[in-house]
Amino acid sequence: MVRTQCFFSQLIQETMGEAYLVAFLQVLVDKLARREVFKYFGLIKGVDQKLQKWTATLSAIGAVLNEAEERQLITESKPLKLWLDDLRDLAYDVEDVLDKYATKMLKREIEQHYAGTARRVWNSVPNGVFNCKMNSEIKKITERLQEISHKRTSSLV
């Protein structure tokens, strides 16, 4: 009896976690679609196209996520569970990148508000070091996103 209760408790927790993942992915897609994201990241060479691909790929993954969850409940597929775990980890990493961007933009807005004219001009120029780091992070996430998307369409999931 206790073993059955533990199984159902774990099943409910996993289902709630996957439902959270669906909602979380939608929030990420919405964040990526914001004009400010494209406005800033568009200043970094090629990043705007990568962000558009992120949006499309995350939307496609979200569309099949419900089916994947149902299959996991029915088959308890280990590859499917690993795929969902990878997707969750990636979603958190995407959120981290977007949070870094939001923090940088907020800092710039505050500095712009309190700065003199010369400082405002300087602050309007993108920070090369920050942009290089962001581009590197975006590239890594894009590669992981492509890998996860490929697993979704392959026989693994």
Protein backbone atom coordinates (compact mmCIF):
# COMPACT_ATOMS: atom_id res chain seq x y z
CA MET A 1 0.00 0.00 0.00
CA VAL A 2 2.75 2.45 0.96
CA ARG A 3 4.68 1.55 -2.19
CA THR A 4 1.63 2.30 -4.35
CA GLN A 5 1.17 5.65 -2.62
CA CYS A 6 4.82 6.53 -3.27
CA PHE A 7 4.44 5.63 -6.94
CA PHE A 8 1.36 7.82 -7.34
CA SER A 9 2.97 10.63 -5.37
CA GLN A 10 6.02 10.53 -7.66
CA LEU A 11 3.77 10.35 -10.74
CA ILE A 12 1.80 13.42 -9.60
CA GLN A 13 5.02 15.35 -8.87
CA GLU A 14 6.44 14.51 -12.32
CA THR A 15 3.18 15.45 -14.03
CA MET A 16 3.05 18.75 -12.16
CA GLY A 17 6.69 19.36 -13.05
CA GLU A 18 6.08 18.73 -16.74
CA ALA A 19 2.98 20.96 -16.71
CA TYR A 20 5.18 23.64 -15.18
CA LEU A 21 7.70 23.07 -17.97
CA VAL A 22 5.03 23.69 -20.63
CA ALA A 23 4.06 26.98 -18.97
CA PHE A 24 7.71 27.91 -18.44
CA LEU A 25 8.51 27.34 -22.13
CA GLN A 26 5.61 29.59 -23.10
CA VAL A 27 6.96 32.35 -20.86
CA LEU A 28 10.38 31.99 -22.51
CA VAL A 29 8.85 32.19 -25.98
CA ASP A 30 6.95 35.31 -24.92
CA LYS A 31 10.16 36.87 -23.52
CA LEU A 32 12.03 36.08 -26.72
CA ALA A 33 9.31 37.67 -28.82
CA ARG A 34 9.60 41.02 -27.00
CA ARG A 35 10.79 43.86 -29.18
CA GLU A 36 13.41 44.98 -26.64
CA VAL A 37 15.16 41.63 -26.83
CA PHE A 38 15.53 41.84 -30.59
CA LYS A 39 16.42 45.53 -30.41
CA TYR A 40 19.36 44.92 -28.10
CA PHE A 41 20.55 41.53 -29.30
CA GLY A 42 20.17 42.66 -32.90
CA LEU A 43 23.23 44.83 -32.29
CA ILE A 44 25.28 41.67 -31.86
CA LYS A 45 26.09 40.18 -35.25
CA GLY A 46 23.77 37.31 -36.19
CA VAL A 47 22.10 37.00 -32.81
CA ASP A 48 18.69 38.21 -33.96
CA GLN A 49 18.43 35.25 -36.37
CA LYS A 50 19.47 32.86 -33.59
CA LEU A 51 16.79 34.27 -31.29
CA GLN A 52 14.17 33.83 -34.00
CA LYS A 53 15.28 30.20 -34.35
CA TRP A 54 15.09 29.79 -30.57
CA THR A 55 11.53 31.07 -30.62
CA ALA A 56 10.50 28.75 -33.45
CA THR A 57 12.24 25.71 -31.96
CA LEU A 58 10.91 26.29 -28.44
CA SER A 59 7.41 26.73 -29.86
CA ALA A 60 7.72 23.47 -31.80
CA ILE A 61 9.04 21.64 -28.75
CA GLY A 62 6.23 23.06 -26.63
CA ALA A 63 3.69 21.82 -29.17
CA VAL A 64 4.86 18.20 -28.78
CA LEU A 65 5.59 18.41 -25.06
CA ASN A 66 2.06 17.49 -24.00
CA GLU A 67 2.15 14.38 -26.18
CA ALA A 68 5.57 13.48 -24.77
CA GLU A 69 4.22 13.82 -21.23
CA GLU A 70 1.29 11.52 -22.02
CA ARG A 71 3.64 8.96 -23.57
CA GLN A 72 5.88 9.12 -20.52
CA LEU A 73 2.94 8.40 -18.23
CA ILE A 74 1.90 5.45 -20.37
CA THR A 75 5.26 3.93 -21.26
CA GLU A 76 7.56 5.32 -18.55
CA SER A 77 10.17 5.72 -21.29
CA LYS A 78 13.67 6.38 -19.94
CA PRO A 79 14.82 8.24 -23.12
CA LEU A 80 11.70 10.39 -22.95
CA LYS A 81 12.34 11.24 -19.30
CA LEU A 82 15.96 12.15 -20.11
CA TRP A 83 14.77 14.33 -23.01
CA LEU A 84 12.33 16.16 -20.74
CA ASP A 85 15.10 16.65 -18.15
CA ASP A 86 17.45 18.05 -20.83
CA LEU A 87 14.71 20.37 -22.02
CA ARG A 88 14.06 21.62 -18.49
CA ASP A 89 17.77 22.31 -17.92
CA LEU A 90 18.02 24.15 -21.22
CA ALA A 91 14.93 26.23 -20.43
CA TYR A 92 16.57 27.37 -17.18
CA ASP A 93 19.74 28.30 -19.07
CA VAL A 94 17.72 30.32 -21.61
CA GLU A 95 16.03 32.12 -18.74
CA ASP A 96 19.44 32.89 -17.21
CA VAL A 97 20.63 34.47 -20.47
CA LEU A 98 17.46 36.55 -20.71
CA ASP A 99 17.83 37.61 -17.07
CA LYS A 100 21.43 38.72 -17.69
CA TYR A 101 20.20 40.74 -20.63
CA ALA A 102 17.37 42.29 -18.58
CA THR A 103 19.79 43.20 -15.79
CA LYS A 104 22.19 44.82 -18.25
CA MET A 105 19.38 46.79 -19.89
CA LEU A 106 18.02 47.99 -16.54
CA LYS A 107 21.51 49.08 -15.49
CA ARG A 108 21.91 51.00 -18.75
CA GLU A 109 18.52 52.70 -18.33
CA ILE A 110 19.40 53.81 -14.80
CA GLU A 111 22.81 55.05 -15.90
CA GLN A 112 21.25 56.89 -18.86
CA HIS A 113 18.75 58.59 -16.58
CA TYR A 114 21.38 59.95 -14.20
CA ALA A 115 24.25 60.51 -16.64
CA GLY A 116 25.35 63.61 -18.50
CA THR A 117 25.20 63.89 -22.29
CA ALA A 118 28.66 62.43 -22.97
CA ARG A 119 27.97 59.47 -20.68
CA ARG A 120 24.60 58.86 -22.37
CA VAL A 121 26.30 58.61 -25.74
CA TRP A 122 28.91 56.22 -24.31
CA ASN A 123 26.21 54.07 -22.64
CA SER A 124 24.32 53.79 -25.91
CA VAL A 125 27.29 51.95 -27.46
CA PRO A 126 27.01 48.19 -26.82
CA ASN A 127 29.58 46.78 -24.40
CA GLY A 128 31.94 44.59 -26.45
CA VAL A 129 32.96 42.24 -23.62
CA PHE A 130 29.36 41.70 -22.52
CA ASN A 131 28.25 41.16 -26.12
CA CYS A 132 31.05 38.64 -26.72
CA LYS A 133 30.06 36.67 -23.60
CA MET A 134 26.38 36.79 -24.55
CA ASN A 135 27.14 35.66 -28.10
CA SER A 136 29.15 32.74 -26.72
CA GLU A 137 26.34 31.74 -24.34
CA ILE A 138 23.76 32.10 -27.11
CA LYS A 139 25.86 29.89 -29.39
CA LYS A 140 26.15 27.16 -26.74
CA ILE A 141 22.43 27.26 -26.01
CA THR A 142 21.61 27.20 -29.72
CA GLU A 143 23.70 24.05 -30.16
CA ARG A 144 21.99 22.38 -27.18
CA LEU A 145 18.59 23.46 -28.46
CA GLN A 146 19.33 21.93 -31.86
CA GLU A 147 20.47 18.70 -30.20
CA ILE A 148 17.33 18.50 -28.07
CA SER A 149 15.16 19.29 -31.07
CA HIS A 150 16.91 16.56 -33.07
CA LYS A 151 16.29 14.04 -30.26
CA ARG A 152 12.63 15.04 -30.32
CA THR A 153 12.33 14.16 -34.00
CA SER A 154 14.49 11.05 -33.81
CA SER A 155 13.48 7.66 -32.50
CA LEU A 156 14.90 8.45 -29.06
CA VAL A 157 11.74 10.26 -27.96
